[in-house]
Amino acid sequence: IALEICRGLIFLQYADILHHDLKCENILITENLEPKIYNFELANYSDKNTTSLPIDVTAAGDIIPWLAPEKLTGSRYTTQCEIFSFGMLLWELVFEKIPYQGWEAKKIVEHIA
């Protein structure tokens, strides 16, 4: 499963697309047990010259554990940030639970950023 998700991320990278919301909840498993990345409502084309605004922790809610430090601090969001989110997705697959489950949002942000 992880290898197929990696292949999907490579495809997105070559297309200069950043997903921005990579987590297990946004991986669809087909009838043939193939994982597919979906839910592209936050996705955009990579712009190497812009930075993102820092995330409002109170509004971000349940996506915080998968956010790279750059996304939390307003630094430039790159494919490396997608790799961070993929790492958290792998953590979720291995341990079969949401990262930082039970932690307050502010504490998660302090730990990641």
Protein backbone atom coordinates (compact mmCIF):
# COMPACT_ATOMS: atom_id res chain seq x y z
CA ILE A 1 0.00 0.00 0.00
CA ALA A 2 2.74 2.45 0.97
CA LEU A 3 4.66 1.86 -2.26
CA GLU A 4 1.58 2.56 -4.37
CA ILE A 5 0.90 5.75 -2.43
CA CYS A 6 4.54 6.75 -3.10
CA ARG A 7 3.98 6.19 -6.80
CA GLY A 8 0.95 8.45 -6.64
CA LEU A 9 2.99 11.13 -4.88
CA ILE A 10 5.72 10.86 -7.51
CA PHE A 11 3.10 11.36 -10.22
CA LEU A 12 1.79 14.45 -8.42
CA GLN A 13 5.33 15.78 -8.01
CA TYR A 14 6.03 15.46 -11.74
CA ALA A 15 2.76 17.29 -12.41
CA ASP A 16 3.81 20.04 -9.92
CA ILE A 17 0.72 19.37 -7.81
CA LEU A 18 0.76 19.64 -4.02
CA HIS A 19 -2.05 17.74 -2.28
CA HIS A 20 -1.92 19.64 1.07
CA ASP A 21 -4.10 17.09 2.92
CA LEU A 22 -2.37 13.72 2.72
CA LYS A 23 -3.59 11.31 5.41
CA CYS A 24 -5.15 7.83 5.56
CA GLU A 25 -8.62 9.35 5.47
CA ASN A 26 -7.78 10.63 1.96
CA ILE A 27 -6.62 7.29 0.58
CA LEU A 28 -9.26 5.24 -1.18
CA ILE A 29 -8.74 1.47 -1.45
CA THR A 30 -10.22 0.02 -4.64
CA GLU A 31 -11.87 -3.39 -5.01
CA ASN A 32 -8.48 -4.66 -6.24
CA LEU A 33 -6.91 -3.38 -3.00
CA GLU A 34 -5.08 -0.59 -4.80
CA PRO A 35 -4.70 2.66 -2.85
CA LYS A 36 -5.66 5.86 -4.64
CA ILE A 37 -5.01 9.37 -3.37
CA TYR A 38 -8.17 11.44 -3.45
CA ASN A 39 -9.80 14.55 -1.94
CA PHE A 40 -7.94 17.22 -3.88
CA GLU A 41 -10.01 20.16 -2.63
CA LEU A 42 -6.94 21.74 -0.96
CA ALA A 43 -4.51 20.80 -3.76
CA ASN A 44 -2.83 23.36 -5.97
CA TYR A 45 0.01 23.70 -8.44
CA SER A 46 3.42 24.14 -6.90
CA ASP A 47 4.57 27.76 -6.87
CA LYS A 48 8.22 27.90 -5.91
CA ASN A 49 8.13 31.62 -5.13
CA THR A 50 5.36 31.89 -2.57
CA THR A 51 4.97 31.14 1.08
CA SER A 52 1.82 30.05 2.84
CA LEU A 53 0.13 31.77 5.71
CA PRO A 54 0.57 30.13 9.11
CA ILE A 55 -2.27 27.77 9.97
CA ASP A 56 -4.89 28.95 12.44
CA VAL A 57 -4.63 26.12 14.97
CA THR A 58 -8.17 26.58 16.21
CA ALA A 59 -9.56 26.33 12.66
CA ALA A 60 -7.26 23.53 11.44
CA GLY A 61 -8.81 20.95 13.73
CA ASP A 62 -8.10 17.34 12.90
CA ILE A 63 -5.51 17.89 10.14
CA ILE A 64 -2.75 19.22 12.41
CA PRO A 65 -0.94 15.88 13.01
CA TRP A 66 -0.24 15.52 9.28
CA LEU A 67 0.96 19.09 8.70
CA ALA A 68 4.64 19.75 8.11
CA PRO A 69 6.36 22.36 10.29
CA GLU A 70 6.56 24.66 7.24
CA LYS A 71 2.77 24.66 6.93
CA LEU A 72 2.40 25.48 10.62
CA THR A 73 4.86 28.38 10.52
CA GLY A 74 3.92 29.90 7.16
CA SER A 75 7.11 28.90 5.36
CA ARG A 76 7.10 27.79 1.74
CA TYR A 77 5.08 24.60 1.22
CA THR A 78 7.00 22.16 -0.99
CA THR A 79 7.06 18.50 -1.96
CA GLN A 80 9.19 17.94 1.15
CA CYS A 81 6.13 18.95 3.18
CA GLU A 82 4.15 16.28 1.34
CA ILE A 83 6.83 13.77 2.36
CA PHE A 84 6.38 14.78 6.01
CA SER A 85 2.64 14.17 5.67
CA PHE A 86 3.38 10.81 4.02
CA GLY A 87 5.58 9.91 6.99
CA MET A 88 2.71 10.65 9.34
CA LEU A 89 0.43 8.58 7.10
CA LEU A 90 2.89 5.67 7.40
CA TRP A 91 2.90 6.11 11.17
CA GLU A 92 -0.89 5.91 11.10
CA LEU A 93 -0.76 2.71 9.00
CA VAL A 94 1.80 1.02 11.25
CA PHE A 95 0.26 1.90 14.61
CA GLU A 96 -3.37 1.83 13.42
CA LYS A 97 -4.27 5.06 15.17
CA ILE A 98 -4.23 8.77 14.49
CA PRO A 99 -0.92 10.48 15.32
CA TYR A 100 -0.96 12.48 18.56
CA GLN A 101 -4.41 11.13 19.42
CA GLY A 102 -5.69 12.77 22.60
CA TRP A 103 -3.26 15.70 22.42
CA GLU A 104 -4.49 19.30 22.36
CA ALA A 105 -3.94 21.08 19.04
CA LYS A 106 -1.60 23.66 20.57
CA LYS A 107 0.60 20.93 22.08
CA ILE A 108 0.82 19.11 18.73
CA VAL A 109 1.89 22.33 16.99
CA GLU A 110 4.57 22.98 19.62
CA HIS A 111 5.84 19.42 19.22
CA ILE A 112 5.94 19.50 15.39
CA ALA A 113 7.06 23.08 14.77
